[in-house]
Amino acid sequence: MYEYNDNEHKSEERTVTITHRIVKITEEGFKTKGDAIDAVDDYLVKSPDIVGMVKFKIPYLGSFFRVANTTPGFVLLIIIPAILIIAIEIKNIIGYRA
């Protein structure tokens, strides 16, 4: 199911999902490490604790959502473009009737 060098998601008591890379597979579980640090985790992850596997990633998508979750970011990335689209459509409707 999971292999060496797979990225996997772990569920912990927290509501945050953690992504680590499998560096060793044992009968007891998986040894993992984060990609941002060289140290291997000092605990084993059991198979039931794994909730998924990373198949691909979209660069900077997380940054977009992090910015969009702030009030200024939401206004800049969602509200202003929505107003512009509505204004353009209203202009097109008025121009179509004339």
PDB file of N, CA and C in Angstrom:
ATOM      1  N   MET A   1       0.819  -1.188   0.000  1.00  0.00           N
ATOM      2  CA  MET A   1       0.000   0.000   0.000  1.00  0.00           C
ATOM      3  C   MET A   1       0.866   1.256   0.000  1.00  0.00           C
ATOM      4  N   TYR A   2       1.620   1.478   1.067  1.00  0.00           N
ATOM      5  CA  TYR A   2       2.523   2.619   1.117  1.00  0.00           C
ATOM      6  C   TYR A   2       3.937   2.118   0.903  1.00  0.00           C
ATOM      7  N   GLU A   3       4.741   2.928   0.253  1.00  0.00           N
ATOM      8  CA  GLU A   3       6.101   2.528  -0.048  1.00  0.00           C
ATOM      9  C   GLU A   3       7.080   3.571   0.462  1.00  0.00           C
ATOM     10  N   TYR A   4       8.356   3.182   0.454  1.00  0.00           N
ATOM     11  CA  TYR A   4       9.420   4.104   0.825  1.00  0.00           C
ATOM     12  C   TYR A   4       9.329   5.355  -0.038  1.00  0.00           C
ATOM     13  N   ASN A   5       9.521   6.505   0.556  1.00  0.00           N
ATOM     14  CA  ASN A   5       9.556   7.808  -0.096  1.00  0.00           C
ATOM     15  C   ASN A   5       8.172   8.337  -0.462  1.00  0.00           C
ATOM     16  N   ASP A   6       7.094   7.638  -0.097  1.00  0.00           N
ATOM     17  CA  ASP A   6       5.747   8.170  -0.298  1.00  0.00           C
ATOM     18  C   ASP A   6       5.512   9.313   0.677  1.00  0.00           C
ATOM     19  N   ASN A   7       4.764  10.295   0.234  1.00  0.00           N
ATOM     20  CA  ASN A   7       4.286  11.334   1.138  1.00  0.00           C
ATOM     21  C   ASN A   7       2.938  10.873   1.657  1.00  0.00           C
ATOM     22  N   GLU A   8       2.759  10.926   2.960  1.00  0.00           N
ATOM     23  CA  GLU A   8       1.504  10.479   3.535  1.00  0.00           C
ATOM     24  C   GLU A   8       0.969  11.530   4.485  1.00  0.00           C
ATOM     25  N   HIS A   9      -0.333  11.497   4.713  1.00  0.00           N
ATOM     26  CA  HIS A   9      -0.980  12.409   5.656  1.00  0.00           C
ATOM     27  C   HIS A   9      -1.251  11.660   6.948  1.00  0.00           C
ATOM     28  N   LYS A  10      -0.937  12.297   8.068  1.00  0.00           N
ATOM     29  CA  LYS A  10      -1.176  11.706   9.373  1.00  0.00           C
ATOM     30  C   LYS A  10      -2.245  12.502  10.091  1.00  0.00           C
ATOM     31  N   SER A  11      -3.114  11.810  10.761  1.00  0.00           N
ATOM     32  CA  SER A  11      -4.120  12.460  11.587  1.00  0.00           C
ATOM     33  C   SER A  11      -3.675  12.334  13.038  1.00  0.00           C
ATOM     34  N   GLU A  12      -3.665  13.444  13.728  1.00  0.00           N
ATOM     35  CA  GLU A  12      -3.300  13.410  15.145  1.00  0.00           C
ATOM     36  C   GLU A  12      -4.484  13.905  15.963  1.00  0.00           C
ATOM     37  N   GLU A  13      -4.301  14.070  17.257  1.00  0.00           N
ATOM     38  CA  GLU A  13      -5.381  14.563  18.100  1.00  0.00           C
ATOM     39  C   GLU A  13      -5.818  15.959  17.668  1.00  0.00           C
ATOM     40  N   ARG A  14      -4.883  16.683  17.095  1.00  0.00           N
ATOM     41  CA  ARG A  14      -5.213  18.023  16.618  1.00  0.00           C
ATOM     42  C   ARG A  14      -6.084  17.921  15.373  1.00  0.00           C
ATOM     43  N   THR A  15      -6.679  19.032  14.986  1.00  0.00           N
ATOM     44  CA  THR A  15      -7.501  19.043  13.776  1.00  0.00           C
ATOM     45  C   THR A  15      -6.658  19.298  12.534  1.00  0.00           C
ATOM     46  N   VAL A  16      -5.354  19.432  12.715  1.00  0.00           N
ATOM     47  CA  VAL A  16      -4.451  19.712  11.602  1.00  0.00           C
ATOM     48  C   VAL A  16      -3.962  18.393  11.014  1.00  0.00           C
ATOM     49  N   THR A  17      -3.912  18.330   9.687  1.00  0.00           N
ATOM     50  CA  THR A  17      -3.349  17.163   9.015  1.00  0.00           C
ATOM     51  C   THR A  17      -1.885  17.442   8.724  1.00  0.00           C
ATOM     52  N   ILE A  18      -1.019  16.497   9.050  1.00  0.00           N
ATOM     53  CA  ILE A  18       0.418  16.668   8.877  1.00  0.00           C
ATOM     54  C   ILE A  18       0.884  15.769   7.737  1.00  0.00           C
ATOM     55  N   THR A  19       1.710  16.322   6.842  1.00  0.00           N
ATOM     56  CA  THR A  19       2.253  15.542   5.735  1.00  0.00           C
ATOM     57  C   THR A  19       3.717  15.236   6.003  1.00  0.00           C
ATOM     58  N   HIS A  20       4.064  13.954   6.030  1.00  0.00           N
ATOM     59  CA  HIS A  20       5.441  13.513   6.217  1.00  0.00           C
ATOM     60  C   HIS A  20       5.785  12.477   5.163  1.00  0.00           C
ATOM     61  N   ARG A  21       7.079  12.286   4.957  1.00  0.00           N
ATOM     62  CA  ARG A  21       7.570  11.310   3.983  1.00  0.00           C
ATOM     63  C   ARG A  21       7.965  10.025   4.709  1.00  0.00           C
ATOM     64  N   ILE A  22       7.582   8.889   4.149  1.00  0.00           N
ATOM     65  CA  ILE A  22       7.961   7.596   4.726  1.00  0.00           C
ATOM     66  C   ILE A  22       9.425   7.333   4.389  1.00  0.00           C
ATOM     67  N   VAL A  23      10.237   7.093   5.430  1.00  0.00           N
ATOM     68  CA  VAL A  23      11.658   6.828   5.205  1.00  0.00           C
ATOM     69  C   VAL A  23      12.039   5.385   5.541  1.00  0.00           C
ATOM     70  N   LYS A  24      11.163   4.689   6.291  1.00  0.00           N
ATOM     71  CA  LYS A  24      11.453   3.292   6.622  1.00  0.00           C
ATOM     72  C   LYS A  24      10.142   2.586   6.951  1.00  0.00           C
ATOM     73  N   ILE A  25      10.031   1.354   6.478  1.00  0.00           N
ATOM     74  CA  ILE A  25       8.844   0.551   6.755  1.00  0.00           C
ATOM     75  C   ILE A  25       9.264  -0.623   7.635  1.00  0.00           C
ATOM     76  N   THR A  26       8.591  -0.769   8.777  1.00  0.00           N
ATOM     77  CA  THR A  26       8.852  -1.897   9.670  1.00  0.00           C
ATOM     78  C   THR A  26       7.542  -2.659   9.870  1.00  0.00           C
ATOM     79  N   GLU A  27       7.622  -3.801  10.542  1.00  0.00           N
ATOM     80  CA  GLU A  27       6.400  -4.554  10.831  1.00  0.00           C
ATOM     81  C   GLU A  27       5.506  -3.802  11.810  1.00  0.00           C
ATOM     82  N   GLU A  28       6.108  -2.971  12.647  1.00  0.00           N
ATOM     83  CA  GLU A  28       5.337  -2.233  13.649  1.00  0.00           C
ATOM     84  C   GLU A  28       4.684  -0.973  13.088  1.00  0.00           C
ATOM     85  N   GLY A  29       5.226  -0.425  12.009  1.00  0.00           N
ATOM     86  CA  GLY A  29       4.681   0.816  11.455  1.00  0.00           C
ATOM     87  C   GLY A  29       5.658   1.484  10.508  1.00  0.00           C
ATOM     88  N   PHE A  30       5.473   2.771  10.325  1.00  0.00           N
ATOM     89  CA  PHE A  30       6.274   3.546   9.382  1.00  0.00           C
ATOM     90  C   PHE A  30       7.102   4.590  10.124  1.00  0.00           C
ATOM     91  N   LYS A  31       8.377   4.721   9.756  1.00  0.00           N
ATOM     92  CA  LYS A  31       9.209   5.825  10.235  1.00  0.00           C
ATOM     93  C   LYS A  31       9.045   6.944   9.217  1.00  0.00           C
ATOM     94  N   THR A  32       8.839   8.154   9.693  1.00  0.00           N
ATOM     95  CA  THR A  32       8.580   9.281   8.797  1.00  0.00           C
ATOM     96  C   THR A  32       9.476  10.454   9.142  1.00  0.00           C
ATOM     97  N   LYS A  33       9.505  11.418   8.243  1.00  0.00           N
ATOM     98  CA  LYS A  33      10.191  12.687   8.501  1.00  0.00           C
ATOM     99  C   LYS A  33       9.525  13.754   7.658  1.00  0.00           C
ATOM    100  N   GLY A  34       9.602  14.974   8.143  1.00  0.00           N
ATOM    101  CA  GLY A  34       9.098  16.100   7.373  1.00  0.00           C
ATOM    102  C   GLY A  34      10.094  16.471   6.286  1.00  0.00           C
ATOM    103  N   ASP A  35       9.614  17.034   5.193  1.00  0.00           N
ATOM    104  CA  ASP A  35      10.510  17.420   4.099  1.00  0.00           C
ATOM    105  C   ASP A  35      11.371  18.628   4.450  1.00  0.00           C
ATOM    106  N   ALA A  36      10.921  19.446   5.387  1.00  0.00           N
ATOM    107  CA  ALA A  36      11.643  20.672   5.712  1.00  0.00           C
ATOM    108  C   ALA A  36      12.753  20.457   6.737  1.00  0.00           C
ATOM    109  N   ILE A  37      12.864  19.259   7.282  1.00  0.00           N
ATOM    110  CA  ILE A  37      13.856  18.997   8.323  1.00  0.00           C
ATOM    111  C   ILE A  37      14.501  17.631   8.052  1.00  0.00           C
ATOM    112  N   ASP A  38      15.769  17.495   8.398  1.00  0.00           N
ATOM    113  CA  ASP A  38      16.493  16.256   8.104  1.00  0.00           C
ATOM    114  C   ASP A  38      16.275  15.159   9.140  1.00  0.00           C
ATOM    115  N   ALA A  39      15.794  15.509  10.317  1.00  0.00           N
ATOM    116  CA  ALA A  39      15.653  14.530  11.395  1.00  0.00           C
ATOM    117  C   ALA A  39      14.454  13.612  11.153  1.00  0.00           C
ATOM    118  N   VAL A  40      14.674  12.319  11.404  1.00  0.00           N
ATOM    119  CA  VAL A  40      13.591  11.337  11.323  1.00  0.00           C
ATOM    120  C   VAL A  40      12.783  11.431  12.610  1.00  0.00           C
ATOM    121  N   ASP A  41      11.460  11.320  12.499  1.00  0.00           N
ATOM    122  CA  ASP A  41      10.600  11.385  13.681  1.00  0.00           C
ATOM    123  C   ASP A  41      10.953  10.261  14.648  1.00  0.00           C
ATOM    124  N   ASP A  42      10.821  10.529  15.951  1.00  0.00           N
ATOM    125  CA  ASP A  42      11.206   9.544  16.963  1.00  0.00           C
ATOM    126  C   ASP A  42      10.047   8.619  17.346  1.00  0.00           C
ATOM    127  N   TYR A  43       9.036   8.529  16.519  1.00  0.00           N
ATOM    128  CA  TYR A  43       7.898   7.650  16.789  1.00  0.00           C
ATOM    129  C   TYR A  43       7.503   6.928  15.498  1.00  0.00           C
ATOM    130  N   LEU A  44       6.789   5.834  15.645  1.00  0.00           N
ATOM    131  CA  LEU A  44       6.281   5.084  14.495  1.00  0.00           C
ATOM    132  C   LEU A  44       4.845   5.495  14.217  1.00  0.00           C
ATOM    133  N   VAL A  45       4.497   5.550  12.953  1.00  0.00           N
ATOM    134  CA  VAL A  45       3.123   5.837  12.550  1.00  0.00           C
ATOM    135  C   VAL A  45       2.483   4.513  12.157  1.00  0.00           C
ATOM    136  N   LYS A  46       1.367   4.200  12.784  1.00  0.00           N
ATOM    137  CA  LYS A  46       0.638   2.971  12.462  1.00  0.00           C
ATOM    138  C   LYS A  46      -0.242   3.212  11.238  1.00  0.00           C
ATOM    139  N   SER A  47      -0.511   2.164  10.506  1.00  0.00           N
ATOM    140  CA  SER A  47      -1.318   2.250   9.290  1.00  0.00           C
ATOM    141  C   SER A  47      -2.682   2.923   9.511  1.00  0.00           C
ATOM    142  N   PRO A  48      -3.416   2.623  10.597  1.00  0.00           N
ATOM    143  CA  PRO A  48      -4.726   3.265  10.785  1.00  0.00           C
ATOM    144  C   PRO A  48      -4.644   4.784  10.988  1.00  0.00           C
ATOM    145  N   ASP A  49      -3.464   5.277  11.378  1.00  0.00           N
ATOM    146  CA  ASP A  49      -3.307   6.714  11.600  1.00  0.00           C
ATOM    147  C   ASP A  49      -3.075   7.487  10.309  1.00  0.00           C
ATOM    148  N   ILE A  50      -2.843   6.785   9.221  1.00  0.00           N
ATOM    149  CA  ILE A  50      -2.614   7.452   7.939  1.00  0.00           C
ATOM    150  C   ILE A  50      -3.958   7.662   7.261  1.00  0.00           C
ATOM    151  N   VAL A  51      -4.232   8.908   6.881  1.00  0.00           N
ATOM    152  CA  VAL A  51      -5.530   9.225   6.284  1.00  0.00           C
ATOM    153  C   VAL A  51      -5.458   9.452   4.782  1.00  0.00           C
ATOM    154  N   GLY A  52      -4.267   9.458   4.200  1.00  0.00           N
ATOM    155  CA  GLY A  52      -4.174   9.660   2.754  1.00  0.00           C
ATOM    156  C   GLY A  52      -2.738   9.720   2.293  1.00  0.00           C
ATOM    157  N   MET A  53      -2.580   9.869   0.984  1.00  0.00           N
ATOM    158  CA  MET A  53      -1.256   9.940   0.387  1.00  0.00           C
ATOM    159  C   MET A  53      -1.247  11.072  -0.632  1.00  0.00           C
ATOM    160  N   VAL A  54      -0.153  11.824  -0.686  1.00  0.00           N
ATOM    161  CA  VAL A  54      -0.024  12.927  -1.632  1.00  0.00           C
ATOM    162  C   VAL A  54       0.223  12.350  -3.024  1.00  0.00           C
ATOM    163  N   LYS A  55      -0.636  12.692  -3.963  1.00  0.00           N
ATOM    164  CA  LYS A  55      -0.475  12.240  -5.347  1.00  0.00           C
ATOM    165  C   LYS A  55       0.159  13.329  -6.206  1.00  0.00           C
ATOM    166  N   PHE A  56      -0.164  14.588  -5.921  1.00  0.00           N
ATOM    167  CA  PHE A  56       0.409  15.714  -6.657  1.00  0.00           C
ATOM    168  C   PHE A  56       0.260  16.957  -5.793  1.00  0.00           C
ATOM    169  N   LYS A  57       0.924  18.005  -6.181  1.00  0.00           N
ATOM    170  CA  LYS A  57       0.773  19.268  -5.463  1.00  0.00           C
ATOM    171  C   LYS A  57       0.687  20.398  -6.475  1.00  0.00           C
ATOM    172  N   ILE A  58       0.007  21.442  -6.077  1.00  0.00           N
ATOM    173  CA  ILE A  58      -0.122  22.632  -6.907  1.00  0.00           C
ATOM    174  C   ILE A  58       0.638  23.745  -6.188  1.00  0.00           C
ATOM    175  N   PRO A  59       1.780  24.163  -6.746  1.00  0.00           N
ATOM    176  CA  PRO A  59       2.588  25.180  -6.068  1.00  0.00           C
ATOM    177  C   PRO A  59       1.804  26.464  -5.805  1.00  0.00           C
ATOM    178  N   TYR A  60       2.000  27.019  -4.632  1.00  0.00           N
ATOM    179  CA  TYR A  60       1.454  28.305  -4.206  1.00  0.00           C
ATOM    180  C   TYR A  60      -0.056  28.300  -3.992  1.00  0.00           C
ATOM    181  N   LEU A  61      -0.760  27.198  -4.170  1.00  0.00           N
ATOM    182  CA  LEU A  61      -2.196  27.171  -3.935  1.00  0.00           C
ATOM    183  C   LEU A  61      -2.498  27.418  -2.457  1.00  0.00           C
ATOM    184  N   GLY A  62      -1.676  26.869  -1.585  1.00  0.00           N
ATOM    185  CA  GLY A  62      -1.856  27.107  -0.156  1.00  0.00           C
ATOM    186  C   GLY A  62      -1.682  28.571   0.199  1.00  0.00           C
ATOM    187  N   SER A  63      -0.743  29.249  -0.457  1.00  0.00           N
ATOM    188  CA  SER A  63      -0.543  30.683  -0.219  1.00  0.00           C
ATOM    189  C   SER A  63      -1.770  31.473  -0.636  1.00  0.00           C
ATOM    190  N   PHE A  64      -2.386  31.083  -1.761  1.00  0.00           N
ATOM    191  CA  PHE A  64      -3.606  31.753  -2.223  1.00  0.00           C
ATOM    192  C   PHE A  64      -4.691  31.657  -1.157  1.00  0.00           C
ATOM    193  N   PHE A  65      -4.915  30.447  -0.622  1.00  0.00           N
ATOM    194  CA  PHE A  65      -5.960  30.270   0.382  1.00  0.00           C
ATOM    195  C   PHE A  65      -5.610  30.963   1.693  1.00  0.00           C
ATOM    196  N   ARG A  66      -4.330  31.003   2.041  1.00  0.00           N
ATOM    197  CA  ARG A  66      -3.915  31.690   3.260  1.00  0.00           C
ATOM    198  C   ARG A  66      -4.232  33.180   3.150  1.00  0.00           C
ATOM    199  N   VAL A  67      -3.953  33.771   1.974  1.00  0.00           N
ATOM    200  CA  VAL A  67      -4.255  35.190   1.750  1.00  0.00           C
ATOM    201  C   VAL A  67      -5.762  35.396   1.664  1.00  0.00           C
ATOM    202  N   ALA A  68      -6.474  34.502   0.968  1.00  0.00           N
ATOM    203  CA  ALA A  68      -7.923  34.640   0.793  1.00  0.00           C
ATOM    204  C   ALA A  68      -8.670  34.517   2.118  1.00  0.00           C
ATOM    205  N   ASN A  69      -8.068  33.902   3.130  1.00  0.00           N
ATOM    206  CA  ASN A  69      -8.715  33.766   4.434  1.00  0.00           C
ATOM    207  C   ASN A  69      -8.594  35.008   5.302  1.00  0.00           C
ATOM    208  N   THR A  70      -7.868  36.011   4.833  1.00  0.00           N
ATOM    209  CA  THR A  70      -7.814  37.284   5.548  1.00  0.00           C
ATOM    210  C   THR A  70      -8.855  38.216   4.938  1.00  0.00           C
ATOM    211  N   THR A  71      -9.316  39.208   5.688  1.00  0.00           N
ATOM    212  CA  THR A  71     -10.319  40.144   5.161  1.00  0.00           C
ATOM    213  C   THR A  71      -9.795  40.914   3.960  1.00  0.00           C
ATOM    214  N   PRO A  72      -8.602  41.531   4.016  1.00  0.00           N
ATOM    215  CA  PRO A  72      -8.116  42.237   2.823  1.00  0.00           C
ATOM    216  C   PRO A  72      -7.907  41.294   1.632  1.00  0.00           C
ATOM    217  N   GLY A  73      -7.424  40.096   1.899  1.00  0.00           N
ATOM    218  CA  GLY A  73      -7.217  39.130   0.824  1.00  0.00           C
ATOM    219  C   GLY A  73      -8.520  38.700   0.187  1.00  0.00           C
ATOM    220  N   PHE A  74      -9.546  38.488   1.001  1.00  0.00           N
ATOM    221  CA  PHE A  74     -10.860  38.105   0.481  1.00  0.00           C
ATOM    222  C   PHE A  74     -11.426  39.207  -0.404  1.00  0.00           C
ATOM    223  N   VAL A  75     -11.302  40.446   0.055  1.00  0.00           N
ATOM    224  CA  VAL A  75     -11.792  41.579  -0.744  1.00  0.00           C
ATOM    225  C   VAL A  75     -11.019  41.666  -2.053  1.00  0.00           C
ATOM    226  N   LEU A  76      -9.708  41.554  -1.990  1.00  0.00           N
ATOM    227  CA  LEU A  76      -8.866  41.693  -3.181  1.00  0.00           C
ATOM    228  C   LEU A  76      -9.035  40.530  -4.162  1.00  0.00           C
ATOM    229  N   LEU A  77      -9.109  39.316  -3.658  1.00  0.00           N
ATOM    230  CA  LEU A  77      -9.122  38.142  -4.534  1.00  0.00           C
ATOM    231  C   LEU A  77     -10.519  37.653  -4.922  1.00  0.00           C
ATOM    232  N   ILE A  78     -11.543  37.996  -4.141  1.00  0.00           N
ATOM    233  CA  ILE A  78     -12.884  37.476  -4.407  1.00  0.00           C
ATOM    234  C   ILE A  78     -13.879  38.596  -4.724  1.00  0.00           C
ATOM    235  N   ILE A  79     -14.009  39.565  -3.831  1.00  0.00           N
ATOM    236  CA  ILE A  79     -15.041  40.596  -3.971  1.00  0.00           C
ATOM    237  C   ILE A  79     -14.785  41.494  -5.176  1.00  0.00           C
ATOM    238  N   ILE A  80     -13.586  42.057  -5.297  1.00  0.00           N
ATOM    239  CA  ILE A  80     -13.293  42.979  -6.412  1.00  0.00           C
ATOM    240  C   ILE A  80     -13.432  42.275  -7.763  1.00  0.00           C
ATOM    241  N   PRO A  81     -12.863  41.087  -7.972  1.00  0.00           N
ATOM    242  CA  PRO A  81     -13.094  40.412  -9.262  1.00  0.00           C
ATOM    243  C   PRO A  81     -14.578  40.118  -9.520  1.00  0.00           C
ATOM    244  N   ALA A  82     -15.324  39.748  -8.478  1.00  0.00           N
ATOM    245  CA  ALA A  82     -16.759  39.483  -8.655  1.00  0.00           C
ATOM    246  C   ALA A  82     -17.491  40.747  -9.091  1.00  0.00           C
ATOM    247  N   ILE A  83     -17.171  41.880  -8.475  1.00  0.00           N
ATOM    248  CA  ILE A  83     -17.798  43.156  -8.863  1.00  0.00           C
ATOM    249  C   ILE A  83     -17.446  43.498 -10.303  1.00  0.00           C
ATOM    250  N   LEU A  84     -16.197  43.296 -10.692  1.00  0.00           N
ATOM    251  CA  LEU A  84     -15.786  43.579 -12.076  1.00  0.00           C
ATOM    252  C   LEU A  84     -16.529  42.688 -13.072  1.00  0.00           C
ATOM    253  N   ILE A  85     -16.669  41.424 -12.769  1.00  0.00           N
ATOM    254  CA  ILE A  85     -17.387  40.507 -13.667  1.00  0.00           C
ATOM    255  C   ILE A  85     -18.848  40.922 -13.785  1.00  0.00           C
ATOM    256  N   ILE A  86     -19.479  41.260 -12.673  1.00  0.00           N
ATOM    257  CA  ILE A  86     -20.876  41.705 -12.702  1.00  0.00           C
ATOM    258  C   ILE A  86     -21.010  42.989 -13.506  1.00  0.00           C
ATOM    259  N   ALA A  87     -20.094  43.943 -13.300  1.00  0.00           N
ATOM    260  CA  ALA A  87     -20.143  45.213 -14.041  1.00  0.00           C
ATOM    261  C   ALA A  87     -19.989  44.976 -15.541  1.00  0.00           C
ATOM    262  N   ILE A  88     -19.083  44.109 -15.936  1.00  0.00           N
ATOM    263  CA  ILE A  88     -18.885  43.805 -17.361  1.00  0.00           C
ATOM    264  C   ILE A  88     -20.133  43.150 -17.943  1.00  0.00           C
ATOM    265  N   GLU A  89     -20.738  42.244 -17.202  1.00  0.00           N
ATOM    266  CA  GLU A  89     -21.956  41.585 -17.687  1.00  0.00           C
ATOM    267  C   GLU A  89     -23.110  42.573 -17.808  1.00  0.00           C
ATOM    268  N   ILE A  90     -23.248  43.485 -16.859  1.00  0.00           N
ATOM    269  CA  ILE A  90     -24.294  44.517 -16.951  1.00  0.00           C
ATOM    270  C   ILE A  90     -24.059  45.382 -18.178  1.00  0.00           C
ATOM    271  N   LYS A  91     -22.813  45.761 -18.416  1.00  0.00           N
ATOM    272  CA  LYS A  91     -22.475  46.563 -19.603  1.00  0.00           C
ATOM    273  C   LYS A  91     -22.815  45.792 -20.880  1.00  0.00           C
ATOM    274  N   ASN A  92     -22.515  44.494 -20.911  1.00  0.00           N
ATOM    275  CA  ASN A  92     -22.838  43.670 -22.079  1.00  0.00           C
ATOM    276  C   ASN A  92     -24.345  43.568 -22.298  1.00  0.00           C
ATOM    277  N   ILE A  93     -25.111  43.424 -21.227  1.00  0.00           N
ATOM    278  CA  ILE A  93     -26.573  43.338 -21.342  1.00  0.00           C
ATOM    279  C   ILE A  93     -27.144  44.649 -21.864  1.00  0.00           C
ATOM    280  N   ILE A  94     -26.678  45.767 -21.316  1.00  0.00           N
ATOM    281  CA  ILE A  94     -27.153  47.084 -21.770  1.00  0.00           C
ATOM    282  C   ILE A  94     -26.751  47.311 -23.219  1.00  0.00           C
ATOM    283  N   GLY A  95     -25.536  46.956 -23.588  1.00  0.00           N
ATOM    284  CA  GLY A  95     -25.063  47.116 -24.965  1.00  0.00           C
ATOM    285  C   GLY A  95     -25.803  46.208 -25.929  1.00  0.00           C
ATOM    286  N   TYR A  96     -26.222  45.045 -25.487  1.00  0.00           N
ATOM    287  CA  TYR A  96     -26.933  44.091 -26.334  1.00  0.00           C
ATOM    288  C   TYR A  96     -28.334  44.594 -26.656  1.00  0.00           C
ATOM    289  N   ARG A  97     -28.972  45.277 -25.691  1.00  0.00           N
ATOM    290  CA  ARG A  97     -30.330  45.794 -25.880  1.00  0.00           C
ATOM    291  C   ARG A  97     -30.350  47.003 -26.799  1.00  0.00           C
ATOM    292  N   ALA A  98     -29.267  47.755 -26.861  1.00  0.00           N
ATOM    293  CA  ALA A  98     -29.262  48.997 -27.651  1.00  0.00           C
ATOM    294  C   ALA A  98     -29.151  48.755 -29.126  1.00  0.00           C
TER     295      ALA A  98
END
